[in-house]
PDB file of N, CA and C in Angstrom:
ATOM      1  N   MET A   1      13.398  -9.277  -4.008  1.00  0.00           N
ATOM      2  CA  MET A   1      12.298  -8.567  -3.377  1.00  0.00           C
ATOM      3  C   MET A   1      12.185  -7.148  -3.934  1.00  0.00           C
ATOM      4  N   TRP A   2      13.321  -6.482  -4.212  1.00  0.00           N
ATOM      5  CA  TRP A   2      13.211  -5.103  -4.693  1.00  0.00           C
ATOM      6  C   TRP A   2      12.542  -5.040  -6.056  1.00  0.00           C
ATOM      7  N   GLU A   3      12.605  -6.124  -6.831  1.00  0.00           N
ATOM      8  CA  GLU A   3      11.904  -6.127  -8.109  1.00  0.00           C
ATOM      9  C   GLU A   3      10.396  -6.014  -7.881  1.00  0.00           C
ATOM     10  N   GLY A   4       9.914  -6.648  -6.836  1.00  0.00           N
ATOM     11  CA  GLY A   4       8.495  -6.559  -6.491  1.00  0.00           C
ATOM     12  C   GLY A   4       8.101  -5.149  -6.096  1.00  0.00           C
ATOM     13  N   TRP A   5       8.974  -4.451  -5.381  1.00  0.00           N
ATOM     14  CA  TRP A   5       8.694  -3.064  -4.994  1.00  0.00           C
ATOM     15  C   TRP A   5       8.554  -2.181  -6.228  1.00  0.00           C
ATOM     16  N   LEU A   6       9.355  -2.469  -7.251  1.00  0.00           N
ATOM     17  CA  LEU A   6       9.294  -1.662  -8.468  1.00  0.00           C
ATOM     18  C   LEU A   6       7.960  -1.827  -9.191  1.00  0.00           C
ATOM     19  N   ARG A   7       7.374  -3.011  -9.122  1.00  0.00           N
ATOM     20  CA  ARG A   7       6.134  -3.283  -9.851  1.00  0.00           C
ATOM     21  C   ARG A   7       4.882  -2.871  -9.099  1.00  0.00           C
ATOM     22  N   ARG A   8       4.964  -2.728  -7.781  1.00  0.00           N
ATOM     23  CA  ARG A   8       3.774  -2.374  -6.997  1.00  0.00           C
ATOM     24  C   ARG A   8       3.349  -0.945  -7.258  1.00  0.00           C
ATOM     25  N   ARG A   9       2.063  -0.722  -7.373  1.00  0.00           N
ATOM     26  CA  ARG A   9       1.542   0.621  -7.625  1.00  0.00           C
ATOM     27  C   ARG A   9       1.623   1.516  -6.401  1.00  0.00           C
ATOM     28  N   THR A  10       1.590   0.942  -5.202  1.00  0.00           N
ATOM     29  CA  THR A  10       1.545   1.750  -3.988  1.00  0.00           C
ATOM     30  C   THR A  10       2.915   2.091  -3.441  1.00  0.00           C
ATOM     31  N   THR A  11       3.971   1.617  -4.082  1.00  0.00           N
ATOM     32  CA  THR A  11       5.317   1.885  -3.599  1.00  0.00           C
ATOM     33  C   THR A  11       5.648   3.363  -3.756  1.00  0.00           C
ATOM     34  N   ALA A  12       6.191   3.941  -2.719  1.00  0.00           N
ATOM     35  CA  ALA A  12       6.614   5.340  -2.785  1.00  0.00           C
ATOM     36  C   ALA A  12       7.688   5.483  -3.858  1.00  0.00           C
ATOM     37  N   GLN A  13       7.678   6.620  -4.524  1.00  0.00           N
ATOM     38  CA  GLN A  13       8.646   6.843  -5.594  1.00  0.00           C
ATOM     39  C   GLN A  13      10.087   6.777  -5.109  1.00  0.00           C
ATOM     40  N   ALA A  14      10.339   7.265  -3.902  1.00  0.00           N
ATOM     41  CA  ALA A  14      11.708   7.232  -3.372  1.00  0.00           C
ATOM     42  C   ALA A  14      12.180   5.794  -3.206  1.00  0.00           C
ATOM     43  N   LEU A  15      11.329   4.930  -2.669  1.00  0.00           N
ATOM     44  CA  LEU A  15      11.695   3.531  -2.484  1.00  0.00           C
ATOM     45  C   LEU A  15      11.881   2.843  -3.833  1.00  0.00           C
ATOM     46  N   ALA A  16      11.059   3.184  -4.799  1.00  0.00           N
ATOM     47  CA  ALA A  16      11.203   2.615  -6.140  1.00  0.00           C
ATOM     48  C   ALA A  16      12.540   3.029  -6.755  1.00  0.00           C
ATOM     49  N   GLN A  17      12.928   4.287  -6.573  1.00  0.00           N
ATOM     50  CA  GLN A  17      14.213   4.738  -7.112  1.00  0.00           C
ATOM     51  C   GLN A  17      15.372   4.021  -6.424  1.00  0.00           C
ATOM     52  N   ARG A  18      15.283   3.864  -5.110  1.00  0.00           N
ATOM     53  CA  ARG A  18      16.333   3.153  -4.374  1.00  0.00           C
ATOM     54  C   ARG A  18      16.439   1.718  -4.850  1.00  0.00           C
ATOM     55  N   SER A  19      15.303   1.107  -5.159  1.00  0.00           N
ATOM     56  CA  SER A  19      15.297  -0.260  -5.664  1.00  0.00           C
ATOM     57  C   SER A  19      15.945  -0.339  -7.042  1.00  0.00           C
ATOM     58  N   ARG A  20      15.697   0.661  -7.875  1.00  0.00           N
ATOM     59  CA  ARG A  20      16.345   0.698  -9.191  1.00  0.00           C
ATOM     60  C   ARG A  20      17.861   0.837  -9.040  1.00  0.00           C
ATOM     61  N   ILE A  21      18.292   1.674  -8.105  1.00  0.00           N
ATOM     62  CA  ILE A  21      19.724   1.858  -7.866  1.00  0.00           C
ATOM     63  C   ILE A  21      20.361   0.531  -7.487  1.00  0.00           C
ATOM     64  N   VAL A  22      19.755  -0.171  -6.524  1.00  0.00           N
ATOM     65  CA  VAL A  22      20.295  -1.447  -6.055  1.00  0.00           C
ATOM     66  C   VAL A  22      20.296  -2.470  -7.186  1.00  0.00           C
ATOM     67  N   GLY A  23      19.231  -2.487  -7.966  1.00  0.00           N
ATOM     68  CA  GLY A  23      19.165  -3.424  -9.089  1.00  0.00           C
ATOM     69  C   GLY A  23      20.254  -3.187 -10.112  1.00  0.00           C
ATOM     70  N   GLU A  24      20.480  -1.931 -10.449  1.00  0.00           N
ATOM     71  CA  GLU A  24      21.538  -1.594 -11.406  1.00  0.00           C
ATOM     72  C   GLU A  24      22.915  -1.973 -10.854  1.00  0.00           C
ATOM     73  N   CYS A  25      23.131  -1.714  -9.573  1.00  0.00           N
ATOM     74  CA  CYS A  25      24.413  -2.067  -8.948  1.00  0.00           C
ATOM     75  C   CYS A  25      24.584  -3.586  -8.907  1.00  0.00           C
ATOM     76  N   ALA A  26      23.482  -4.314  -8.661  1.00  0.00           N
ATOM     77  CA  ALA A  26      23.537  -5.778  -8.625  1.00  0.00           C
ATOM     78  C   ALA A  26      23.876  -6.352 -10.001  1.00  0.00           C
ATOM     79  N   ASP A  27      23.526  -5.616 -11.053  1.00  0.00           N
ATOM     80  CA  ASP A  27      23.859  -6.042 -12.415  1.00  0.00           C
ATOM     81  C   ASP A  27      25.294  -5.693 -12.780  1.00  0.00           C
ATOM     82  N   ASP A  28      26.069  -5.292 -11.770  1.00  0.00           N
ATOM     83  CA  ASP A  28      27.509  -5.032 -11.909  1.00  0.00           C
ATOM     84  C   ASP A  28      27.839  -3.778 -12.726  1.00  0.00           C
ATOM     85  N   HIS A  29      26.948  -2.777 -12.683  1.00  0.00           N
ATOM     86  CA  HIS A  29      27.235  -1.499 -13.321  1.00  0.00           C
ATOM     87  C   HIS A  29      27.998  -0.616 -12.337  1.00  0.00           C
ATOM     88  N   SER A  30      28.855   0.233 -12.845  1.00  0.00           N
ATOM     89  CA  SER A  30      29.622   1.145 -11.979  1.00  0.00           C
ATOM     90  C   SER A  30      28.706   2.231 -11.424  1.00  0.00           C
ATOM     91  N   ILE A  31      29.178   2.877 -10.368  1.00  0.00           N
ATOM     92  CA  ILE A  31      28.408   3.969  -9.761  1.00  0.00           C
ATOM     93  C   ILE A  31      28.147   5.072 -10.781  1.00  0.00           C
ATOM     94  N   MET A  32      29.148   5.415 -11.559  1.00  0.00           N
ATOM     95  CA  MET A  32      28.983   6.475 -12.557  1.00  0.00           C
ATOM     96  C   MET A  32      27.991   6.059 -13.645  1.00  0.00           C
ATOM     97  N   GLU A  33      28.040   4.806 -14.043  1.00  0.00           N
ATOM     98  CA  GLU A  33      27.114   4.334 -15.074  1.00  0.00           C
ATOM     99  C   GLU A  33      25.675   4.336 -14.546  1.00  0.00           C
ATOM    100  N   VAL A  34      25.484   3.896 -13.313  1.00  0.00           N
ATOM    101  CA  VAL A  34      24.145   3.904 -12.717  1.00  0.00           C
ATOM    102  C   VAL A  34      23.635   5.330 -12.611  1.00  0.00           C
ATOM    103  N   SER A  35      24.495   6.258 -12.178  1.00  0.00           N
ATOM    104  CA  SER A  35      24.059   7.652 -12.032  1.00  0.00           C
ATOM    105  C   SER A  35      23.666   8.243 -13.383  1.00  0.00           C
ATOM    106  N   ARG A  36      24.398   7.910 -14.436  1.00  0.00           N
ATOM    107  CA  ARG A  36      24.039   8.399 -15.779  1.00  0.00           C
ATOM    108  C   ARG A  36      22.740   7.775 -16.272  1.00  0.00           C
ATOM    109  N   ARG A  37      22.609   6.478 -16.078  1.00  0.00           N
ATOM    110  CA  ARG A  37      21.416   5.771 -16.573  1.00  0.00           C
ATOM    111  C   ARG A  37      20.145   6.243 -15.873  1.00  0.00           C
ATOM    112  N   LEU A  38      20.240   6.495 -14.553  1.00  0.00           N
ATOM    113  CA  LEU A  38      19.057   6.894 -13.784  1.00  0.00           C
ATOM    114  C   LEU A  38      18.929   8.408 -13.635  1.00  0.00           C
ATOM    115  N   ARG A  39      19.935   9.127 -14.151  1.00  0.00           N
ATOM    116  CA  ARG A  39      19.944  10.594 -14.096  1.00  0.00           C
ATOM    117  C   ARG A  39      19.843  11.116 -12.661  1.00  0.00           C
ATOM    118  N   ILE A  40      20.721  10.577 -11.822  1.00  0.00           N
ATOM    119  CA  ILE A  40      20.816  11.014 -10.434  1.00  0.00           C
ATOM    120  C   ILE A  40      22.281  11.229 -10.087  1.00  0.00           C
ATOM    121  N   ALA A  41      22.537  11.903  -8.997  1.00  0.00           N
ATOM    122  CA  ALA A  41      23.906  12.208  -8.580  1.00  0.00           C
ATOM    123  C   ALA A  41      24.643  10.937  -8.157  1.00  0.00           C
ATOM    124  N   PRO A  42      25.933  10.842  -8.477  1.00  0.00           N
ATOM    125  CA  PRO A  42      26.721   9.683  -8.045  1.00  0.00           C
ATOM    126  C   PRO A  42      26.701   9.489  -6.521  1.00  0.00           C
ATOM    127  N   ASP A  43      26.671  10.592  -5.771  1.00  0.00           N
ATOM    128  CA  ASP A  43      26.617  10.472  -4.311  1.00  0.00           C
ATOM    129  C   ASP A  43      25.338   9.781  -3.850  1.00  0.00           C
ATOM    130  N   THR A  44      24.239   9.982  -4.570  1.00  0.00           N
ATOM    131  CA  THR A  44      22.985   9.307  -4.239  1.00  0.00           C
ATOM    132  C   THR A  44      23.135   7.805  -4.452  1.00  0.00           C
ATOM    133  N   VAL A  45      23.760   7.412  -5.548  1.00  0.00           N
ATOM    134  CA  VAL A  45      24.001   5.992  -5.821  1.00  0.00           C
ATOM    135  C   VAL A  45      24.890   5.402  -4.724  1.00  0.00           C
ATOM    136  N   ARG A  46      25.955   6.110  -4.377  1.00  0.00           N
ATOM    137  CA  ARG A  46      26.861   5.628  -3.327  1.00  0.00           C
ATOM    138  C   ARG A  46      26.136   5.440  -2.001  1.00  0.00           C
ATOM    139  N   THR A  47      25.304   6.422  -1.642  1.00  0.00           N
ATOM    140  CA  THR A  47      24.582   6.361  -0.366  1.00  0.00           C
ATOM    141  C   THR A  47      23.712   5.121  -0.284  1.00  0.00           C
ATOM    142  N   TRP A  48      22.882   4.891  -1.292  1.00  0.00           N
ATOM    143  CA  TRP A  48      21.935   3.772  -1.230  1.00  0.00           C
ATOM    144  C   TRP A  48      22.616   2.435  -1.439  1.00  0.00           C
ATOM    145  N   ARG A  49      23.669   2.399  -2.207  1.00  0.00           N
ATOM    146  CA  ARG A  49      24.442   1.168  -2.372  1.00  0.00           C
ATOM    147  C   ARG A  49      25.073   0.781  -1.036  1.00  0.00           C
ATOM    148  N   ARG A  50      25.670   1.765  -0.379  1.00  0.00           N
ATOM    149  CA  ARG A  50      26.314   1.525   0.919  1.00  0.00           C
ATOM    150  C   ARG A  50      25.296   1.063   1.960  1.00  0.00           C
ATOM    151  N   ARG A  51      24.146   1.733   2.004  1.00  0.00           N
ATOM    152  CA  ARG A  51      23.125   1.346   2.980  1.00  0.00           C
ATOM    153  C   ARG A  51      22.592  -0.049   2.705  1.00  0.00           C
ATOM    154  N   PHE A  52      22.414  -0.397   1.425  1.00  0.00           N
ATOM    155  CA  PHE A  52      21.943  -1.733   1.091  1.00  0.00           C
ATOM    156  C   PHE A  52      22.976  -2.787   1.477  1.00  0.00           C
ATOM    157  N   LEU A  53      24.235  -2.521   1.196  1.00  0.00           N
ATOM    158  CA  LEU A  53      25.284  -3.480   1.540  1.00  0.00           C
ATOM    159  C   LEU A  53      25.405  -3.658   3.054  1.00  0.00           C
ATOM    160  N   GLY A  54      25.161  -2.586   3.807  1.00  0.00           N
ATOM    161  CA  GLY A  54      25.283  -2.646   5.262  1.00  0.00           C
ATOM    162  C   GLY A  54      24.071  -3.204   5.983  1.00  0.00           C
ATOM    163  N   LYS A  55      22.877  -2.923   5.449  1.00  0.00           N
ATOM    164  CA  LYS A  55      21.640  -3.278   6.170  1.00  0.00           C
ATOM    165  C   LYS A  55      20.681  -4.139   5.362  1.00  0.00           C
ATOM    166  N   GLY A  56      21.023  -4.456   4.145  1.00  0.00           N
ATOM    167  CA  GLY A  56      20.114  -5.236   3.305  1.00  0.00           C
ATOM    168  C   GLY A  56      18.902  -4.405   2.905  1.00  0.00           C
ATOM    169  N   LEU A  57      17.771  -5.067   2.710  1.00  0.00           N
ATOM    170  CA  LEU A  57      16.565  -4.369   2.270  1.00  0.00           C
ATOM    171  C   LEU A  57      16.102  -3.327   3.277  1.00  0.00           C
ATOM    172  N   ASP A  58      16.355  -3.568   4.572  1.00  0.00           N
ATOM    173  CA  ASP A  58      15.985  -2.574   5.585  1.00  0.00           C
ATOM    174  C   ASP A  58      16.703  -1.249   5.364  1.00  0.00           C
ATOM    175  N   GLY A  59      17.867  -1.287   4.745  1.00  0.00           N
ATOM    176  CA  GLY A  59      18.621  -0.071   4.483  1.00  0.00           C
ATOM    177  C   GLY A  59      17.972   0.834   3.450  1.00  0.00           C
ATOM    178  N   LEU A  60      17.030   0.298   2.674  1.00  0.00           N
ATOM    179  CA  LEU A  60      16.371   1.104   1.648  1.00  0.00           C
ATOM    180  C   LEU A  60      15.202   1.915   2.195  1.00  0.00           C
ATOM    181  N   CYS A  61      14.774   1.597   3.398  1.00  0.00           N
ATOM    182  CA  CYS A  61      13.655   2.327   4.006  1.00  0.00           C
ATOM    183  C   CYS A  61      14.164   3.610   4.656  1.00  0.00           C
ATOM    184  N   ASP A  62      13.273   4.576   4.806  1.00  0.00           N
ATOM    185  CA  ASP A  62      13.640   5.831   5.446  1.00  0.00           C
ATOM    186  C   ASP A  62      13.954   5.593   6.914  1.00  0.00           C
ATOM    187  N   GLU A  63      14.956   6.296   7.397  1.00  0.00           N
ATOM    188  CA  GLU A  63      15.295   6.251   8.813  1.00  0.00           C
ATOM    189  C   GLU A  63      14.624   7.417   9.516  1.00  0.00           C
ATOM    190  N   CYS A  64      14.454   7.290  10.810  1.00  0.00           N
ATOM    191  CA  CYS A  64      13.912   8.399  11.594  1.00  0.00           C
ATOM    192  C   CYS A  64      14.887   9.562  11.525  1.00  0.00           C
ATOM    193  N   ARG A  65      14.356  10.747  11.452  1.00  0.00           N
ATOM    194  CA  ARG A  65      15.198  11.940  11.392  1.00  0.00           C
ATOM    195  C   ARG A  65      15.280  12.573  12.768  1.00  0.00           C
ATOM    196  N   PRO A  66      16.428  13.164  13.082  1.00  0.00           N
ATOM    197  CA  PRO A  66      16.567  13.796  14.395  1.00  0.00           C
ATOM    198  C   PRO A  66      15.702  15.053  14.502  1.00  0.00           C
ATOM    199  N   GLY A  67      15.409  15.429  15.727  1.00  0.00           N
ATOM    200  CA  GLY A  67      14.652  16.660  15.945  1.00  0.00           C
ATOM    201  C   GLY A  67      13.215  16.377  16.346  1.00  0.00           C
ATOM    202  N   VAL A  68      12.510  17.436  16.610  1.00  0.00           N
ATOM    203  CA  VAL A  68      11.122  17.343  17.034  1.00  0.00           C
ATOM    204  C   VAL A  68      10.248  17.116  15.807  1.00  0.00           C
ATOM    205  N   PRO A  69       9.356  16.130  15.841  1.00  0.00           N
ATOM    206  CA  PRO A  69       8.490  15.899  14.680  1.00  0.00           C
ATOM    207  C   PRO A  69       7.552  17.073  14.439  1.00  0.00           C
ATOM    208  N   SER A  70       7.236  17.281  13.183  1.00  0.00           N
ATOM    209  CA  SER A  70       6.321  18.352  12.804  1.00  0.00           C
ATOM    210  C   SER A  70       4.922  18.038  13.308  1.00  0.00           C
ATOM    211  N   ARG A  71       4.224  19.055  13.766  1.00  0.00           N
ATOM    212  CA  ARG A  71       2.851  18.871  14.235  1.00  0.00           C
ATOM    213  C   ARG A  71       1.844  19.360  13.202  1.00  0.00           C
ATOM    214  N   GLY A  72       2.311  19.709  12.042  1.00  0.00           N
ATOM    215  CA  GLY A  72       1.403  20.201  11.015  1.00  0.00           C
ATOM    216  C   GLY A  72       1.169  21.681  11.154  1.00  0.00           C
ATOM    217  N   ARG A  73       0.290  22.191  10.352  1.00  0.00           N
ATOM    218  CA  ARG A  73       0.001  23.618  10.365  1.00  0.00           C
ATOM    219  C   ARG A  73      -0.979  23.930  11.484  1.00  0.00           C
ATOM    220  N   SER A  74      -0.807  25.097  12.068  1.00  0.00           N
ATOM    221  CA  SER A  74      -1.754  25.502  13.107  1.00  0.00           C
ATOM    222  C   SER A  74      -3.025  25.996  12.430  1.00  0.00           C
ATOM    223  N   PRO A  75      -4.161  25.880  13.104  1.00  0.00           N
ATOM    224  CA  PRO A  75      -5.420  26.313  12.489  1.00  0.00           C
ATOM    225  C   PRO A  75      -5.402  27.821  12.193  1.00  0.00           C
ATOM    226  N   THR A  76      -6.076  28.183  11.137  1.00  0.00           N
ATOM    227  CA  THR A  76      -6.148  29.565  10.726  1.00  0.00           C
ATOM    228  C   THR A  76      -7.140  30.302  11.628  1.00  0.00           C
ATOM    229  N   ARG A  77      -6.737  31.445  12.117  1.00  0.00           N
ATOM    230  CA  ARG A  77      -7.632  32.231  12.973  1.00  0.00           C
ATOM    231  C   ARG A  77      -8.511  33.120  12.102  1.00  0.00           C
ATOM    232  N   THR A  78      -9.739  33.225  12.492  1.00  0.00           N
ATOM    233  CA  THR A  78     -10.679  34.105  11.804  1.00  0.00           C
ATOM    234  C   THR A  78     -10.992  35.257  12.713  1.00  0.00           C
ATOM    235  N   TRP A  79     -10.820  36.468  12.214  1.00  0.00           N
ATOM    236  CA  TRP A  79     -11.082  37.678  13.001  1.00  0.00           C
ATOM    237  C   TRP A  79     -12.431  38.242  12.601  1.00  0.00           C
ATOM    238  N   ASN A  80     -13.295  38.382  13.553  1.00  0.00           N
ATOM    239  CA  ASN A  80     -14.610  38.984  13.307  1.00  0.00           C
ATOM    240  C   ASN A  80     -14.529  40.467  13.701  1.00  0.00           C
ATOM    241  N   GLY A  81     -14.924  41.299  12.825  1.00  0.00           N
ATOM    242  CA  GLY A  81     -14.893  42.688  13.272  1.00  0.00           C
ATOM    243  C   GLY A  81     -14.897  43.632  12.237  1.00  0.00           C
TER     244      GLY A  81
END
């Protein structure tokens, strides 16, 4: 399934990168080799590999973050005078 995510045009870049990480790991490459090939930190490879092994494809999706959600920017005030 992650191969399909890589080919889709609408896939977010982060999800595509996570799919590449999982694919490289599935091809039996070491964490260091994957990090060199994809030019990312080894800790990033470890994180997504671990999440995939623990949760499957659902582990590649973003999780909710703690805290109050952003409400966006407040409207700009215009001063007449």
